[in-house]
Amino acid sequence: QVQLVESGGGLVQPGGSLRLSCVVSRNIFSIYKMGWYRQAPGKQRELVADITSGGRTNYADSVKGRFTISRDNAKNTMYLQMNSLKPEDTAVYYCNADLSPVITMRRDNYWGQGTQVTVSS
């Protein structure tokens, strides 16, 4: 069973930093594009940043210059370094990945359960 497990969320003051992690379970044949999405109360889920298996990155305009996405392919792990956090960054952050499990060898899209990030003084 494929699992994406996020960690690193929490409460932080405006201007502070957090680092989110997303670990993909073992028995994965290949992981393609990975990304972080977020959903604030009453709003649609939106893309924050994504990264290809080769390391090419893409960011939402609202986080450019403040957030950095990265991945460690050897560890099946993706990160999101969030600096200069603002109250409007408050949301549940979700990990997303296109991957092929060993058991099926079929490329599908998977989501984590989400981690809450709250930016407040």
Protein backbone atom coordinates (compact mmCIF):
# COMPACT_ATOMS: atom_id res chain seq x y z
CA GLN A 1 0.00 0.00 0.00
CA VAL A 2 1.38 3.37 -1.03
CA GLN A 3 1.56 6.00 1.68
CA LEU A 4 2.70 9.60 1.60
CA VAL A 5 3.33 10.89 5.11
CA GLU A 6 3.78 14.59 5.78
CA SER A 7 5.37 16.10 8.86
CA GLY A 8 6.74 19.42 10.06
CA GLY A 9 3.61 21.51 10.29
CA GLY A 10 2.71 23.62 13.29
CA LEU A 11 2.12 27.09 14.67
CA VAL A 12 4.62 29.82 13.81
CA GLN A 13 4.69 33.58 14.12
CA PRO A 14 4.65 35.81 11.05
CA GLY A 15 8.14 36.05 9.60
CA GLY A 16 9.07 32.64 10.95
CA SER A 17 10.09 29.45 9.17
CA LEU A 18 8.97 25.85 8.94
CA ARG A 19 10.25 22.84 7.02
CA LEU A 20 7.77 20.28 5.79
CA SER A 21 8.75 16.74 4.85
CA CYS A 22 6.93 14.11 2.81
CA VAL A 23 8.12 10.52 2.94
CA VAL A 24 6.88 8.01 0.39
CA SER A 25 6.51 4.43 1.55
CA ARG A 26 8.88 1.76 0.31
CA ASN A 27 8.24 -0.68 -2.52
CA ILE A 28 8.09 2.10 -5.08
CA PHE A 29 9.40 1.43 -8.57
CA SER A 30 9.68 5.07 -9.59
CA ILE A 31 8.57 8.52 -8.42
CA TYR A 32 7.96 11.12 -11.11
CA LYS A 33 6.69 14.63 -10.35
CA MET A 34 6.10 15.54 -6.70
CA GLY A 35 4.40 18.60 -5.33
CA TRP A 36 3.04 20.49 -2.37
CA TYR A 37 -0.52 21.79 -2.39
CA ARG A 38 -2.41 23.72 0.25
CA GLN A 39 -6.01 24.36 1.15
CA ALA A 40 -7.16 27.18 3.38
CA PRO A 41 -10.62 27.16 5.00
CA GLY A 42 -13.29 28.00 2.45
CA LYS A 43 -10.86 27.96 -0.45
CA GLN A 44 -9.93 25.53 -3.17
CA ARG A 45 -6.79 23.43 -2.97
CA GLU A 46 -3.97 25.16 -4.81
CA LEU A 47 -0.51 24.27 -6.03
CA VAL A 48 2.30 25.68 -3.90
CA ALA A 49 5.29 24.16 -5.69
CA ASP A 50 6.28 21.07 -7.61
CA ILE A 51 9.48 19.35 -8.65
CA THR A 52 10.30 16.83 -11.36
CA SER A 53 12.44 13.76 -10.86
CA GLY A 54 15.25 15.70 -12.49
CA GLY A 55 14.93 18.57 -10.05
CA ARG A 56 13.14 21.16 -12.16
CA THR A 57 10.97 23.31 -9.91
CA ASN A 58 7.86 25.41 -10.28
CA TYR A 59 6.35 27.80 -7.72
CA ALA A 60 3.12 29.67 -7.20
CA ASP A 61 3.68 33.40 -7.53
CA SER A 62 2.57 33.92 -3.93
CA VAL A 63 5.48 31.88 -2.53
CA LYS A 64 8.30 32.67 -4.96
CA GLY A 65 11.40 33.84 -3.12
CA ARG A 66 10.11 32.58 0.23
CA PHE A 67 9.59 28.82 -0.24
CA THR A 68 12.02 26.23 -1.57
CA ILE A 69 11.02 22.76 -2.71
CA SER A 70 13.56 19.94 -2.87
CA ARG A 71 13.70 16.17 -2.93
CA ASP A 72 16.04 13.36 -2.01
CA ASN A 73 15.36 10.58 -4.50
CA ALA A 74 17.48 8.09 -2.56
CA LYS A 75 15.22 8.57 0.46
CA ASN A 76 11.92 8.92 -1.43
CA THR A 77 11.48 12.19 0.43
CA MET A 78 10.39 15.68 -0.56
CA TYR A 79 10.81 18.88 1.44
CA LEU A 80 9.33 22.35 1.53
CA GLN A 81 11.39 25.02 3.28
CA MET A 82 9.08 27.89 4.12
CA ASN A 83 10.61 31.21 5.16
CA SER A 84 9.12 34.65 5.84
CA LEU A 85 5.78 33.05 6.57
CA LYS A 86 2.66 35.19 6.40
CA PRO A 87 -0.78 34.72 7.95
CA GLU A 88 -2.14 34.06 4.45
CA ASP A 89 0.08 30.97 4.26
CA THR A 90 -2.13 29.35 6.89
CA ALA A 91 -3.58 26.17 5.41
CA VAL A 92 -3.43 22.41 5.39
CA TYR A 93 -0.45 21.42 3.26
CA TYR A 94 -0.68 18.24 1.21
CA CYS A 95 2.01 16.16 -0.42
CA ASN A 96 1.26 14.84 -3.92
CA ALA A 97 3.18 12.44 -6.11
CA ASP A 98 2.97 10.68 -9.44
CA LEU A 99 4.54 7.29 -8.91
CA SER A 100 4.59 3.64 -9.88
CA PRO A 101 4.37 1.12 -7.05
CA VAL A 102 6.34 -2.09 -7.50
CA ILE A 103 3.20 -4.16 -7.02
CA THR A 104 1.33 -2.64 -10.00
CA MET A 105 4.05 -0.89 -12.03
CA ARG A 106 1.29 1.53 -13.06
CA ARG A 107 1.74 5.27 -12.82
CA ASP A 108 -0.92 6.84 -10.62
CA ASN A 109 -1.37 9.97 -8.55
CA TYR A 110 -1.31 9.84 -4.75
CA TRP A 111 -2.01 12.26 -1.88
CA GLY A 112 -0.83 12.48 1.69
CA GLN A 113 -3.17 13.14 4.61
CA GLY A 114 -2.06 16.74 5.09
CA THR A 115 -0.31 18.74 7.78
CA GLN A 116 -1.62 21.96 9.32
CA VAL A 117 0.44 25.13 9.07
CA THR A 118 -0.81 28.09 11.09
CA VAL A 119 0.89 31.48 10.90
CA SER A 120 -0.30 33.73 13.68
CA SER A 121 0.98 36.04 16.37
